Amino acid sequence: MNNVTDISMIRLVEQGKKDPNKITDSLIAAGYHKVFTPDELVIATVSATEVFAELELPDHLKITTVKDVSDFVLNEIVDGCLQAEGYTAGKLVAEVIKAGFTQGAPHE
């Protein structure tokens, strides 16, 4: 699926009506996730932990699994794309694919 825009993924994004949480949730529900290299996982985990600490979220909402990290990274991509000038669903999908997200089995 790399370098190819997935039409069903574009539909999921469009159905979210520019709401980052709805878009992220629909992509997660459709099975999109990222498999991290060890270095990527460390960097993403540190970033997520810092953001969650700044937000002073309750313990039950904190990052505890690789899936949580993947979901956080996906949400960051979605949010960033929605705020970018010239936003389109196709551009958002391209960024998600470029970041290494694929559809498949969830994290263990």
Protein backbone atom coordinates (compact mmCIF):
# COMPACT_ATOMS: atom_id res chain seq x y z
CA MET A 1 0.00 0.00 0.00
CA ASN A 2 3.01 2.34 0.22
CA ASN A 3 2.92 5.27 -2.20
CA VAL A 4 -0.64 4.40 -3.13
CA THR A 5 -3.56 6.38 -1.78
CA ASP A 6 -6.11 4.03 -0.27
CA ILE A 7 -9.61 5.21 -1.25
CA SER A 8 -11.25 3.51 1.74
CA MET A 9 -8.80 5.31 4.02
CA ILE A 10 -9.72 8.64 2.40
CA ARG A 11 -13.39 7.89 3.07
CA LEU A 12 -12.65 7.24 6.74
CA VAL A 13 -10.83 10.57 6.98
CA GLU A 14 -13.64 12.44 5.20
CA GLN A 15 -16.26 10.88 7.48
CA GLY A 16 -14.40 12.38 10.45
CA LYS A 17 -15.37 15.87 9.24
CA LYS A 18 -12.06 17.44 10.31
CA ASP A 19 -12.41 16.22 13.91
CA PRO A 20 -8.97 14.82 14.82
CA ASN A 21 -10.35 12.45 17.45
CA LYS A 22 -13.03 11.04 15.14
CA ILE A 23 -10.55 10.59 12.31
CA THR A 24 -7.96 8.94 14.55
CA ASP A 25 -10.56 6.68 16.17
CA SER A 26 -11.95 5.57 12.79
CA LEU A 27 -8.46 4.77 11.45
CA ILE A 28 -7.63 2.81 14.61
CA ALA A 29 -10.96 0.95 14.42
CA ALA A 30 -10.16 0.07 10.79
CA GLY A 31 -6.92 -1.54 11.98
CA TYR A 32 -4.30 1.06 11.07
CA HIS A 33 -1.17 0.91 13.20
CA LYS A 34 2.58 1.42 13.02
CA VAL A 35 5.25 -1.16 13.64
CA PHE A 36 8.16 0.70 15.21
CA THR A 37 11.87 0.05 15.06
CA PRO A 38 13.36 -0.01 18.57
CA ASP A 39 14.76 3.52 18.10
CA GLU A 40 11.45 4.86 16.75
CA LEU A 41 9.62 3.32 19.69
CA VAL A 42 11.91 4.97 22.22
CA ILE A 43 11.61 8.39 20.58
CA ALA A 44 7.82 8.13 20.20
CA THR A 45 7.36 6.88 23.77
CA VAL A 46 9.42 9.74 25.20
CA SER A 47 7.47 12.27 23.12
CA ALA A 48 4.11 10.81 24.16
CA THR A 49 5.12 10.66 27.81
CA GLU A 50 6.18 14.31 27.75
CA VAL A 51 2.91 15.42 26.16
CA PHE A 52 0.84 13.38 28.60
CA ALA A 53 2.80 14.78 31.56
CA GLU A 54 2.20 18.36 30.35
CA LEU A 55 -1.53 17.64 30.09
CA GLU A 56 -1.57 16.15 33.60
CA LEU A 57 -3.80 13.29 32.48
CA PRO A 58 -5.06 10.69 34.95
CA ASP A 59 -3.01 7.48 35.21
CA HIS A 60 -5.57 5.36 33.35
CA LEU A 61 -5.06 7.51 30.22
CA LYS A 62 -1.27 7.29 30.14
CA ILE A 63 0.81 5.40 27.59
CA THR A 64 1.39 1.80 28.70
CA THR A 65 1.56 -0.27 25.49
CA VAL A 66 3.03 -0.13 22.00
CA LYS A 67 -0.53 0.25 20.72
CA ASP A 68 -0.92 3.37 22.88
CA VAL A 69 2.24 4.81 21.33
CA SER A 70 1.01 3.99 17.82
CA ASP A 71 -2.36 5.61 18.54
CA PHE A 72 -0.65 8.70 19.94
CA VAL A 73 1.62 9.07 16.90
CA LEU A 74 -1.34 8.63 14.55
CA ASN A 75 -3.29 11.31 16.43
CA GLU A 76 -0.33 13.69 16.23
CA ILE A 77 -0.12 13.18 12.45
CA VAL A 78 -3.86 13.70 12.01
CA ASP A 79 -3.88 16.82 14.18
CA GLY A 80 -0.87 18.30 12.40
CA CYS A 81 -2.36 17.68 8.95
CA LEU A 82 -5.68 19.21 9.92
CA GLN A 83 -3.93 22.38 11.04
CA ALA A 84 -1.73 22.63 7.94
CA GLU A 85 -2.51 25.10 5.21
CA GLY A 86 -4.01 23.42 2.15
CA TYR A 87 -5.41 20.45 4.08
CA THR A 88 -7.05 17.67 2.07
CA ALA A 89 -8.05 14.17 3.09
CA GLY A 90 -5.64 12.84 0.45
CA LYS A 91 -2.72 14.75 1.96
CA LEU A 92 -3.56 13.42 5.42
CA VAL A 93 -3.72 9.84 4.12
CA ALA A 94 -0.41 10.30 2.30
CA GLU A 95 1.24 11.50 5.55
CA VAL A 96 -0.16 8.55 7.51
CA ILE A 97 1.15 6.09 4.92
CA LYS A 98 4.49 7.92 4.70
CA ALA A 99 4.85 7.58 8.49
CA GLY A 100 4.64 3.81 8.12
CA PHE A 101 1.08 3.10 9.20
CA THR A 102 -0.48 0.01 7.67
CA GLN A 103 -3.71 -1.85 8.08
CA GLY A 104 -3.46 -5.24 9.69
CA ALA A 105 -3.28 -7.19 12.90
CA PRO A 106 -3.24 -5.02 16.03
CA HIS A 107 -0.28 -4.87 18.41
CA GLU A 108 0.06 -7.67 20.87
